[in-house]
Amino acid sequence: MTAAEMLSVAAFLEGRHAQAFPSFGSERTGAPVVSFCRIDDKEIRLREPILEPDALIVQDPTLFKVVDVFQGLKPEGFVLVNSNKSLGELHLDKVVAQLPKGHIITVAASELALKHVGRPLPNAALLGAFAALTSLVHMKSVKTAIEEAFPAKIAQGNVAAATAAFDVVAGASAAA
């Protein structure tokens, strides 16, 4: 939920309309949680779950074994997976083949967070990677959203993790 909220703030800082909201089922504690973020150039009136996402950020790749994470993903969609494994190691070859080249990538966001924040909380790192992958928001806006969400000392590490993830993905995109 925190990542979706910061993404919506980053979009808002760029003059766009945005909303972020979670979807909790009646499942037990520890069950998968889905958060949504809508970004548009015009006012957003919808308040329902997104059934055909333009992009997916998967914080926990073990979800691939439990849920059809890719259901409804648009053919030109983007996928960002928090993992130090390759797409092949995650058995995502079929998904890779269905998306345009460069629209799906893994980034070790938890490891970057551990290095820069001291805890494996991947939210900020994933937002930096998302900015590099999609260009839907700019890194400057992500940085500001992080700084608004956290006290200065915590924000500093999260901005460093986001910047490192941005650089990893930007470097991978340039090499592709």
C-alpha atoms as a PDB file:
ATOM      1  CA  MET A   1       0.000   0.000   0.000  1.00  0.00           C
ATOM      2  CA  THR A   2       2.822   2.399   0.827  1.00  0.00           C
ATOM      3  CA  ALA A   3       4.333   1.997  -2.647  1.00  0.00           C
ATOM      4  CA  ALA A   4       0.979   2.662  -4.338  1.00  0.00           C
ATOM      5  CA  GLU A   5       0.484   5.786  -2.232  1.00  0.00           C
ATOM      6  CA  MET A   6       3.976   7.117  -3.012  1.00  0.00           C
ATOM      7  CA  LEU A   7       3.450   6.376  -6.721  1.00  0.00           C
ATOM      8  CA  SER A   8       0.205   8.347  -6.686  1.00  0.00           C
ATOM      9  CA  VAL A   9       1.962  11.264  -4.952  1.00  0.00           C
ATOM     10  CA  ALA A  10       4.760  11.183  -7.554  1.00  0.00           C
ATOM     11  CA  ALA A  11       2.157  11.356 -10.350  1.00  0.00           C
ATOM     12  CA  PHE A  12       0.300  14.168  -8.561  1.00  0.00           C
ATOM     13  CA  LEU A  13       3.557  16.130  -8.266  1.00  0.00           C
ATOM     14  CA  GLU A  14       3.776  15.954 -12.068  1.00  0.00           C
ATOM     15  CA  GLY A  15       0.342  17.557 -12.425  1.00  0.00           C
ATOM     16  CA  ARG A  16      -1.560  14.356 -13.039  1.00  0.00           C
ATOM     17  CA  HIS A  17      -4.580  12.890 -11.297  1.00  0.00           C
ATOM     18  CA  ALA A  18      -3.934   9.812  -9.193  1.00  0.00           C
ATOM     19  CA  GLN A  19      -5.518   7.532  -6.626  1.00  0.00           C
ATOM     20  CA  ALA A  20      -4.159   4.640  -4.610  1.00  0.00           C
ATOM     21  CA  PHE A  21      -6.162   2.057  -2.720  1.00  0.00           C
ATOM     22  CA  PRO A  22      -5.733  -1.475  -1.347  1.00  0.00           C
ATOM     23  CA  SER A  23      -7.900  -4.529  -1.789  1.00  0.00           C
ATOM     24  CA  PHE A  24      -8.147  -6.756   1.252  1.00  0.00           C
ATOM     25  CA  GLY A  25     -10.040 -10.002   1.169  1.00  0.00           C
ATOM     26  CA  SER A  26     -11.398 -11.856   4.132  1.00  0.00           C
ATOM     27  CA  GLU A  27      -8.260 -13.975   4.171  1.00  0.00           C
ATOM     28  CA  ARG A  28      -6.114 -14.578   7.187  1.00  0.00           C
ATOM     29  CA  THR A  29      -3.273 -12.328   8.271  1.00  0.00           C
ATOM     30  CA  GLY A  30      -0.305 -12.772   5.976  1.00  0.00           C
ATOM     31  CA  ALA A  31      -2.425 -13.437   2.897  1.00  0.00           C
ATOM     32  CA  PRO A  32      -1.509 -11.617  -0.326  1.00  0.00           C
ATOM     33  CA  VAL A  33      -2.558  -7.967  -0.483  1.00  0.00           C
ATOM     34  CA  VAL A  34      -3.238  -6.160  -3.719  1.00  0.00           C
ATOM     35  CA  SER A  35      -2.868  -2.412  -4.033  1.00  0.00           C
ATOM     36  CA  PHE A  36      -3.929  -0.351  -7.003  1.00  0.00           C
ATOM     37  CA  CYS A  37      -2.769   2.981  -8.348  1.00  0.00           C
ATOM     38  CA  ARG A  38      -4.559   4.856 -11.100  1.00  0.00           C
ATOM     39  CA  ILE A  39      -2.786   7.653 -12.926  1.00  0.00           C
ATOM     40  CA  ASP A  40      -4.445   9.793 -15.578  1.00  0.00           C
ATOM     41  CA  ASP A  41      -4.283  13.224 -17.146  1.00  0.00           C
ATOM     42  CA  LYS A  42      -7.964  13.804 -16.368  1.00  0.00           C
ATOM     43  CA  GLU A  43     -10.049  13.460 -13.202  1.00  0.00           C
ATOM     44  CA  ILE A  44     -10.498   9.877 -12.027  1.00  0.00           C
ATOM     45  CA  ARG A  45     -14.004   8.949 -10.967  1.00  0.00           C
ATOM     46  CA  LEU A  46     -13.657   5.161 -10.793  1.00  0.00           C
ATOM     47  CA  ARG A  47     -13.254   3.572  -7.366  1.00  0.00           C
ATOM     48  CA  GLU A  48     -13.098  -0.093  -8.258  1.00  0.00           C
ATOM     49  CA  PRO A  49     -10.255  -2.589  -8.630  1.00  0.00           C
ATOM     50  CA  ILE A  50      -8.243  -2.420 -11.824  1.00  0.00           C
ATOM     51  CA  LEU A  51      -9.065  -5.446 -13.980  1.00  0.00           C
ATOM     52  CA  GLU A  52      -6.811  -4.595 -16.942  1.00  0.00           C
ATOM     53  CA  PRO A  53      -3.618  -3.067 -15.552  1.00  0.00           C
ATOM     54  CA  ASP A  54      -1.074  -1.215 -17.667  1.00  0.00           C
ATOM     55  CA  ALA A  55       1.670  -2.262 -15.267  1.00  0.00           C
ATOM     56  CA  LEU A  56       2.340  -4.667 -12.421  1.00  0.00           C
ATOM     57  CA  ILE A  57       4.812  -4.360  -9.570  1.00  0.00           C
ATOM     58  CA  VAL A  58       5.280  -7.722  -7.872  1.00  0.00           C
ATOM     59  CA  GLN A  59       6.926  -7.386  -4.477  1.00  0.00           C
ATOM     60  CA  ASP A  60       6.812 -11.104  -3.694  1.00  0.00           C
ATOM     61  CA  PRO A  61       7.500 -13.518  -6.576  1.00  0.00           C
ATOM     62  CA  THR A  62       6.191 -16.473  -4.552  1.00  0.00           C
ATOM     63  CA  LEU A  63       2.750 -15.135  -5.521  1.00  0.00           C
ATOM     64  CA  PHE A  64       3.272 -16.604  -8.986  1.00  0.00           C
ATOM     65  CA  LYS A  65       2.618 -20.040  -7.449  1.00  0.00           C
ATOM     66  CA  VAL A  66      -0.583 -18.939  -5.691  1.00  0.00           C
ATOM     67  CA  VAL A  67      -2.339 -16.345  -7.863  1.00  0.00           C
ATOM     68  CA  ASP A  68      -2.608 -15.572 -11.586  1.00  0.00           C
ATOM     69  CA  VAL A  69      -0.763 -12.301 -11.142  1.00  0.00           C
ATOM     70  CA  PHE A  70      -0.808 -11.540 -14.882  1.00  0.00           C
ATOM     71  CA  GLN A  71      -4.572 -11.874 -15.359  1.00  0.00           C
ATOM     72  CA  GLY A  72      -5.855  -8.925 -17.383  1.00  0.00           C
ATOM     73  CA  LEU A  73      -2.427  -7.380 -18.014  1.00  0.00           C
ATOM     74  CA  LYS A  74      -2.606  -5.346 -21.204  1.00  0.00           C
ATOM     75  CA  PRO A  75      -0.577  -6.675 -24.172  1.00  0.00           C
ATOM     76  CA  GLU A  76       1.705  -3.611 -24.035  1.00  0.00           C
ATOM     77  CA  GLY A  77       1.917  -3.768 -20.238  1.00  0.00           C
ATOM     78  CA  PHE A  78       4.944  -3.523 -17.990  1.00  0.00           C
ATOM     79  CA  VAL A  79       5.988  -5.961 -15.264  1.00  0.00           C
ATOM     80  CA  LEU A  80       8.517  -5.277 -12.522  1.00  0.00           C
ATOM     81  CA  VAL A  81       9.425  -8.183 -10.232  1.00  0.00           C
ATOM     82  CA  ASN A  82      11.304  -7.865  -6.944  1.00  0.00           C
ATOM     83  CA  SER A  83      13.838 -10.686  -7.233  1.00  0.00           C
ATOM     84  CA  ASN A  84      17.519 -11.384  -7.579  1.00  0.00           C
ATOM     85  CA  LYS A  85      16.615 -14.276  -9.902  1.00  0.00           C
ATOM     86  CA  SER A  86      16.332 -14.042 -13.674  1.00  0.00           C
ATOM     87  CA  LEU A  87      12.996 -14.158 -15.449  1.00  0.00           C
ATOM     88  CA  GLY A  88      13.905 -17.658 -16.637  1.00  0.00           C
ATOM     89  CA  GLU A  89      14.658 -18.821 -13.102  1.00  0.00           C
ATOM     90  CA  LEU A  90      11.228 -17.514 -12.092  1.00  0.00           C
ATOM     91  CA  HIS A  91       9.683 -19.528 -14.960  1.00  0.00           C
ATOM     92  CA  LEU A  92       8.290 -16.407 -16.611  1.00  0.00           C
ATOM     93  CA  ASP A  93       9.434 -17.233 -20.145  1.00  0.00           C
ATOM     94  CA  LYS A  94       5.836 -17.442 -21.396  1.00  0.00           C
ATOM     95  CA  VAL A  95       5.026 -13.991 -20.002  1.00  0.00           C
ATOM     96  CA  VAL A  96       8.249 -12.547 -21.442  1.00  0.00           C
ATOM     97  CA  ALA A  97       7.291 -13.889 -24.884  1.00  0.00           C
ATOM     98  CA  GLN A  98       3.885 -12.173 -24.718  1.00  0.00           C
ATOM     99  CA  LEU A  99       5.162  -8.701 -23.817  1.00  0.00           C
ATOM    100  CA  PRO A 100       7.160  -6.243 -25.905  1.00  0.00           C
ATOM    101  CA  LYS A 101      10.918  -6.480 -25.446  1.00  0.00           C
ATOM    102  CA  GLY A 102      12.054  -4.573 -22.365  1.00  0.00           C
ATOM    103  CA  HIS A 103       8.610  -4.485 -20.717  1.00  0.00           C
ATOM    104  CA  ILE A 104       9.408  -7.028 -18.004  1.00  0.00           C
ATOM    105  CA  ILE A 105      12.399  -7.024 -15.686  1.00  0.00           C
ATOM    106  CA  THR A 106      13.562  -8.196 -12.288  1.00  0.00           C
ATOM    107  CA  VAL A 107      15.354  -5.989  -9.794  1.00  0.00           C
ATOM    108  CA  ALA A 108      16.698  -7.068  -6.406  1.00  0.00           C
ATOM    109  CA  ALA A 109      14.753  -4.336  -4.601  1.00  0.00           C
ATOM    110  CA  SER A 110      14.779  -6.055  -1.206  1.00  0.00           C
ATOM    111  CA  GLU A 111      18.555  -6.394  -1.374  1.00  0.00           C
ATOM    112  CA  LEU A 112      18.945  -2.742  -2.395  1.00  0.00           C
ATOM    113  CA  ALA A 113      16.700  -1.721   0.490  1.00  0.00           C
ATOM    114  CA  LEU A 114      18.704  -3.844   2.916  1.00  0.00           C
ATOM    115  CA  LYS A 115      21.897  -2.184   1.711  1.00  0.00           C
ATOM    116  CA  HIS A 116      20.592   1.413   1.807  1.00  0.00           C
ATOM    117  CA  VAL A 117      17.824   1.333   4.437  1.00  0.00           C
ATOM    118  CA  GLY A 118      19.046  -1.478   6.678  1.00  0.00           C
ATOM    119  CA  ARG A 119      15.822  -3.476   6.255  1.00  0.00           C
ATOM    120  CA  PRO A 120      14.529  -5.490   3.273  1.00  0.00           C
ATOM    121  CA  LEU A 121      11.572  -3.188   2.583  1.00  0.00           C
ATOM    122  CA  PRO A 122      11.448  -2.894  -1.215  1.00  0.00           C
ATOM    123  CA  ASN A 123       8.780  -0.190  -1.712  1.00  0.00           C
ATOM    124  CA  ALA A 124      10.991   2.765  -2.535  1.00  0.00           C
ATOM    125  CA  ALA A 125      13.466   0.744  -4.585  1.00  0.00           C
ATOM    126  CA  LEU A 126      10.609  -0.661  -6.663  1.00  0.00           C
ATOM    127  CA  LEU A 127       9.323   2.843  -7.358  1.00  0.00           C
ATOM    128  CA  GLY A 128      12.732   3.931  -8.622  1.00  0.00           C
ATOM    129  CA  ALA A 129      12.870   0.845 -10.837  1.00  0.00           C
ATOM    130  CA  PHE A 130       9.307   1.501 -12.023  1.00  0.00           C
ATOM    131  CA  ALA A 131      10.206   5.053 -13.040  1.00  0.00           C
ATOM    132  CA  ALA A 132      13.119   3.752 -15.122  1.00  0.00           C
ATOM    133  CA  LEU A 133      11.118   0.907 -16.677  1.00  0.00           C
ATOM    134  CA  THR A 134       7.981   2.805 -17.656  1.00  0.00           C
ATOM    135  CA  SER A 135       8.764   6.549 -17.662  1.00  0.00           C
ATOM    136  CA  LEU A 136       5.212   7.015 -16.307  1.00  0.00           C
ATOM    137  CA  VAL A 137       6.705   9.086 -13.499  1.00  0.00           C
ATOM    138  CA  HIS A 138      10.093  10.746 -13.230  1.00  0.00           C
ATOM    139  CA  MET A 139      12.737   9.858 -10.666  1.00  0.00           C
ATOM    140  CA  LYS A 140      12.681  13.428  -9.328  1.00  0.00           C
ATOM    141  CA  SER A 141       8.981  13.014  -8.442  1.00  0.00           C
ATOM    142  CA  VAL A 142       9.604   9.605  -6.872  1.00  0.00           C
ATOM    143  CA  LYS A 143      12.360  11.145  -4.742  1.00  0.00           C
ATOM    144  CA  THR A 144      10.061  13.950  -3.584  1.00  0.00           C
ATOM    145  CA  ALA A 145       7.226  11.499  -2.817  1.00  0.00           C
ATOM    146  CA  ILE A 146       9.586   9.406  -0.691  1.00  0.00           C
ATOM    147  CA  GLU A 147      10.823  12.502   1.140  1.00  0.00           C
ATOM    148  CA  GLU A 148       7.216  13.496   1.874  1.00  0.00           C
ATOM    149  CA  ALA A 149       6.306   9.990   3.110  1.00  0.00           C
ATOM    150  CA  PHE A 150       9.141   9.468   5.586  1.00  0.00           C
ATOM    151  CA  PRO A 151      11.127  11.420   8.172  1.00  0.00           C
ATOM    152  CA  ALA A 152      14.398  12.794   6.756  1.00  0.00           C
ATOM    153  CA  LYS A 153      16.709  10.078   8.093  1.00  0.00           C
ATOM    154  CA  ILE A 154      14.505   7.238   6.794  1.00  0.00           C
ATOM    155  CA  ALA A 155      13.807   9.053   3.528  1.00  0.00           C
ATOM    156  CA  GLN A 156      17.527   9.402   2.811  1.00  0.00           C
ATOM    157  CA  GLY A 157      18.101   5.637   2.732  1.00  0.00           C
ATOM    158  CA  ASN A 158      14.922   5.032   0.748  1.00  0.00           C
ATOM    159  CA  VAL A 159      15.889   7.643  -1.838  1.00  0.00           C
ATOM    160  CA  ALA A 160      19.300   5.964  -2.138  1.00  0.00           C
ATOM    161  CA  ALA A 161      17.612   2.570  -2.683  1.00  0.00           C
ATOM    162  CA  ALA A 162      15.206   4.055  -5.255  1.00  0.00           C
ATOM    163  CA  THR A 163      18.061   5.759  -7.089  1.00  0.00           C
ATOM    164  CA  ALA A 164      20.126   2.569  -7.125  1.00  0.00           C
ATOM    165  CA  ALA A 165      17.166   0.584  -8.510  1.00  0.00           C
ATOM    166  CA  PHE A 166      16.519   3.283 -11.108  1.00  0.00           C
ATOM    167  CA  ASP A 167      20.152   3.056 -12.212  1.00  0.00           C
ATOM    168  CA  VAL A 168      20.035  -0.754 -12.406  1.00  0.00           C
ATOM    169  CA  VAL A 169      16.927  -0.749 -14.605  1.00  0.00           C
ATOM    170  CA  ALA A 170      18.049   2.202 -16.724  1.00  0.00           C
ATOM    171  CA  GLY A 171      21.372   0.425 -17.286  1.00  0.00           C
ATOM    172  CA  ALA A 172      19.598  -2.834 -18.229  1.00  0.00           C
ATOM    173  CA  SER A 173      17.304  -0.961 -20.633  1.00  0.00           C
ATOM    174  CA  ALA A 174      20.230   0.804 -22.275  1.00  0.00           C
ATOM    175  CA  ALA A 175      22.063  -2.503 -22.710  1.00  0.00           C
ATOM    176  CA  ALA A 176      19.030  -4.223 -24.271  1.00  0.00           C
END
